[in-house]
N, C-alpha and C. Protein backbone atom coordinates (compact mmCIF):
# COMPACT_ATOMS: atom_id res chain seq x y z
N ALA A 1 6.30 -27.62 -17.56
CA ALA A 1 6.10 -28.89 -16.90
C ALA A 1 5.17 -29.79 -17.74
N LEU A 2 4.14 -29.18 -18.32
CA LEU A 2 3.21 -29.96 -19.13
C LEU A 2 3.91 -30.52 -20.37
N ALA A 3 4.69 -29.72 -21.02
CA ALA A 3 5.41 -30.19 -22.21
C ALA A 3 6.34 -31.35 -21.85
N TYR A 4 6.98 -31.25 -20.71
CA TYR A 4 7.86 -32.34 -20.27
C TYR A 4 7.05 -33.61 -20.02
N LEU A 5 5.93 -33.50 -19.31
CA LEU A 5 5.10 -34.67 -19.05
C LEU A 5 4.64 -35.34 -20.34
N GLN A 6 4.30 -34.52 -21.32
CA GLN A 6 3.80 -35.07 -22.58
C GLN A 6 4.88 -35.81 -23.35
N THR A 7 6.14 -35.54 -23.07
CA THR A 7 7.23 -36.28 -23.74
C THR A 7 7.57 -37.58 -23.02
N ARG A 8 7.02 -37.79 -21.82
CA ARG A 8 7.37 -38.95 -21.01
C ARG A 8 6.31 -40.05 -21.11
N GLY A 9 5.92 -40.39 -22.31
CA GLY A 9 4.93 -41.43 -22.53
C GLY A 9 5.35 -42.79 -22.00
N ASP A 10 6.64 -42.99 -21.81
CA ASP A 10 7.12 -44.27 -21.30
C ASP A 10 6.84 -44.45 -19.81
N VAL A 11 6.70 -43.33 -19.08
CA VAL A 11 6.52 -43.39 -17.64
C VAL A 11 5.16 -42.83 -17.20
N ILE A 12 4.67 -41.84 -17.93
CA ILE A 12 3.45 -41.13 -17.56
C ILE A 12 2.32 -41.51 -18.51
N ASP A 13 1.19 -41.88 -17.95
CA ASP A 13 -0.01 -42.10 -18.77
C ASP A 13 -0.63 -40.73 -19.00
N THR A 14 -0.40 -40.15 -20.17
CA THR A 14 -0.84 -38.79 -20.45
C THR A 14 -2.36 -38.66 -20.50
N ARG A 15 -3.09 -39.76 -20.48
CA ARG A 15 -4.55 -39.70 -20.42
C ARG A 15 -5.04 -39.51 -18.99
N ARG A 16 -4.14 -39.60 -18.02
CA ARG A 16 -4.55 -39.54 -16.61
C ARG A 16 -3.85 -38.41 -15.85
N VAL A 17 -3.57 -37.31 -16.52
CA VAL A 17 -2.91 -36.17 -15.90
C VAL A 17 -3.96 -35.33 -15.16
N LEU A 18 -3.58 -34.85 -13.98
CA LEU A 18 -4.44 -34.00 -13.16
C LEU A 18 -3.71 -32.69 -12.93
N PHE A 19 -4.37 -31.58 -13.22
CA PHE A 19 -3.81 -30.27 -12.90
C PHE A 19 -4.25 -29.94 -11.48
N PHE A 20 -3.28 -29.64 -10.62
CA PHE A 20 -3.57 -29.30 -9.23
C PHE A 20 -2.95 -27.96 -8.90
N GLY A 21 -3.74 -27.07 -8.30
CA GLY A 21 -3.22 -25.78 -7.90
C GLY A 21 -3.63 -25.45 -6.48
N ARG A 22 -2.67 -24.99 -5.70
CA ARG A 22 -2.93 -24.57 -4.32
C ARG A 22 -2.54 -23.11 -4.18
N SER A 23 -3.39 -22.33 -3.55
CA SER A 23 -3.15 -20.92 -3.30
C SER A 23 -2.90 -20.19 -4.63
N LEU A 24 -1.77 -19.51 -4.78
CA LEU A 24 -1.48 -18.81 -6.03
C LEU A 24 -1.34 -19.76 -7.21
N GLY A 25 -0.95 -21.00 -6.93
CA GLY A 25 -0.84 -22.00 -7.99
C GLY A 25 -2.18 -22.34 -8.62
N GLY A 26 -3.27 -21.98 -7.95
CA GLY A 26 -4.59 -22.19 -8.53
C GLY A 26 -4.76 -21.43 -9.83
N ALA A 27 -4.24 -20.22 -9.88
CA ALA A 27 -4.31 -19.43 -11.11
C ALA A 27 -3.53 -20.09 -12.24
N VAL A 28 -2.38 -20.65 -11.91
CA VAL A 28 -1.56 -21.34 -12.91
C VAL A 28 -2.29 -22.58 -13.42
N ALA A 29 -2.88 -23.35 -12.51
CA ALA A 29 -3.59 -24.56 -12.91
C ALA A 29 -4.80 -24.23 -13.78
N VAL A 30 -5.54 -23.19 -13.43
CA VAL A 30 -6.69 -22.79 -14.24
C VAL A 30 -6.25 -22.31 -15.61
N ALA A 31 -5.23 -21.47 -15.65
CA ALA A 31 -4.74 -20.96 -16.93
C ALA A 31 -4.24 -22.10 -17.82
N THR A 32 -3.54 -23.05 -17.23
CA THR A 32 -3.05 -24.19 -18.01
C THR A 32 -4.20 -25.02 -18.55
N SER A 33 -5.22 -25.23 -17.73
CA SER A 33 -6.37 -26.01 -18.20
C SER A 33 -7.16 -25.28 -19.28
N VAL A 34 -7.21 -23.96 -19.21
CA VAL A 34 -7.90 -23.18 -20.25
C VAL A 34 -7.10 -23.21 -21.55
N ASN A 35 -5.78 -23.06 -21.44
CA ASN A 35 -4.92 -23.03 -22.62
C ASN A 35 -4.68 -24.41 -23.24
N HIS A 36 -4.89 -25.46 -22.45
CA HIS A 36 -4.68 -26.84 -22.92
C HIS A 36 -5.85 -27.71 -22.45
N PRO A 37 -7.05 -27.47 -22.98
CA PRO A 37 -8.25 -28.12 -22.45
C PRO A 37 -8.28 -29.64 -22.56
N THR A 38 -7.53 -30.22 -23.46
CA THR A 38 -7.55 -31.68 -23.59
C THR A 38 -6.33 -32.35 -22.96
N ALA A 39 -5.49 -31.58 -22.29
CA ALA A 39 -4.25 -32.13 -21.75
C ALA A 39 -4.42 -32.84 -20.41
N ALA A 40 -5.52 -32.58 -19.72
CA ALA A 40 -5.71 -33.21 -18.40
C ALA A 40 -7.12 -33.75 -18.28
N MET A 41 -7.25 -34.76 -17.44
CA MET A 41 -8.57 -35.35 -17.21
C MET A 41 -9.33 -34.63 -16.10
N ALA A 42 -8.62 -33.83 -15.28
CA ALA A 42 -9.28 -33.15 -14.17
C ALA A 42 -8.47 -31.93 -13.73
N LEU A 43 -9.15 -31.05 -13.05
CA LEU A 43 -8.55 -29.87 -12.45
C LEU A 43 -8.96 -29.84 -10.98
N MET A 44 -7.98 -29.70 -10.08
CA MET A 44 -8.28 -29.65 -8.66
C MET A 44 -7.66 -28.38 -8.09
N LEU A 45 -8.46 -27.63 -7.33
CA LEU A 45 -8.00 -26.39 -6.72
C LEU A 45 -8.17 -26.48 -5.21
N GLU A 46 -7.17 -25.99 -4.49
CA GLU A 46 -7.23 -25.99 -3.03
C GLU A 46 -6.78 -24.63 -2.51
N ASN A 47 -7.59 -24.05 -1.65
CA ASN A 47 -7.26 -22.76 -1.02
C ASN A 47 -6.83 -21.72 -2.04
N THR A 48 -7.52 -21.64 -3.12
CA THR A 48 -7.17 -20.63 -4.13
C THR A 48 -8.08 -19.42 -3.96
N PHE A 49 -8.04 -18.51 -4.87
CA PHE A 49 -8.78 -17.26 -4.76
C PHE A 49 -9.63 -17.06 -6.01
N THR A 50 -10.62 -16.17 -5.91
CA THR A 50 -11.49 -15.94 -7.07
C THR A 50 -10.82 -15.06 -8.11
N SER A 51 -10.08 -14.05 -7.67
CA SER A 51 -9.34 -13.19 -8.59
C SER A 51 -8.34 -12.34 -7.81
N ILE A 52 -7.34 -11.85 -8.51
CA ILE A 52 -6.38 -10.96 -7.86
C ILE A 52 -7.07 -9.69 -7.41
N ASP A 53 -7.99 -9.22 -8.21
CA ASP A 53 -8.78 -8.04 -7.88
C ASP A 53 -9.47 -8.21 -6.52
N ASP A 54 -10.12 -9.35 -6.31
CA ASP A 54 -10.78 -9.63 -5.03
C ASP A 54 -9.79 -9.70 -3.88
N MET A 55 -8.64 -10.29 -4.13
CA MET A 55 -7.64 -10.43 -3.07
C MET A 55 -7.09 -9.08 -2.62
N VAL A 56 -6.92 -8.17 -3.57
CA VAL A 56 -6.45 -6.82 -3.19
C VAL A 56 -7.47 -6.19 -2.26
N ASP A 57 -8.75 -6.30 -2.57
CA ASP A 57 -9.79 -5.73 -1.71
C ASP A 57 -9.76 -6.35 -0.32
N HIS A 58 -9.50 -7.63 -0.26
CA HIS A 58 -9.52 -8.35 1.01
C HIS A 58 -8.26 -8.12 1.85
N ILE A 59 -7.10 -8.19 1.23
CA ILE A 59 -5.84 -8.11 1.98
C ILE A 59 -5.31 -6.68 2.11
N PHE A 60 -5.48 -5.89 1.05
CA PHE A 60 -4.97 -4.52 1.04
C PHE A 60 -6.08 -3.53 0.72
N PRO A 61 -7.05 -3.35 1.61
CA PRO A 61 -8.17 -2.47 1.30
C PRO A 61 -7.76 -1.03 0.99
N LEU A 62 -6.65 -0.59 1.55
CA LEU A 62 -6.20 0.77 1.28
C LEU A 62 -5.73 0.96 -0.17
N LEU A 63 -5.39 -0.13 -0.83
CA LEU A 63 -4.95 -0.05 -2.23
C LEU A 63 -6.11 -0.11 -3.22
N SER A 64 -7.31 -0.32 -2.74
CA SER A 64 -8.43 -0.51 -3.66
C SER A 64 -8.64 0.68 -4.60
N ARG A 65 -8.26 1.89 -4.17
CA ARG A 65 -8.45 3.06 -5.02
C ARG A 65 -7.44 3.11 -6.18
N ILE A 66 -6.29 2.50 -5.99
CA ILE A 66 -5.26 2.56 -7.05
C ILE A 66 -5.03 1.20 -7.71
N LYS A 67 -5.79 0.19 -7.34
CA LYS A 67 -5.51 -1.16 -7.83
C LYS A 67 -5.61 -1.28 -9.35
N ARG A 68 -6.45 -0.49 -10.00
CA ARG A 68 -6.56 -0.63 -11.46
C ARG A 68 -5.25 -0.28 -12.16
N TRP A 69 -4.45 0.62 -11.56
CA TRP A 69 -3.15 0.94 -12.15
C TRP A 69 -2.10 -0.09 -11.76
N VAL A 70 -2.20 -0.61 -10.53
CA VAL A 70 -1.23 -1.59 -10.05
C VAL A 70 -1.42 -2.92 -10.78
N LEU A 71 -2.65 -3.36 -10.99
CA LEU A 71 -2.92 -4.65 -11.59
C LEU A 71 -2.76 -4.66 -13.11
N ARG A 72 -2.56 -3.50 -13.71
CA ARG A 72 -2.35 -3.46 -15.16
C ARG A 72 -1.09 -4.16 -15.50
């Protein structure tokens, strides 16, 4: 999506792009902003999580003993 936006200079002001992530999309938005630090002017996250590791503990506490193999 970012590559496409960057080719649309006729319609999109590439200096004013905002990365937005909600829930699981928060991880995608953060990863995109880390991998392309100058591609957006801002990053906005809504209802996202701190890490998949934390979410396993919160949602599936019974899996916490095996999560290191599952998350690999």
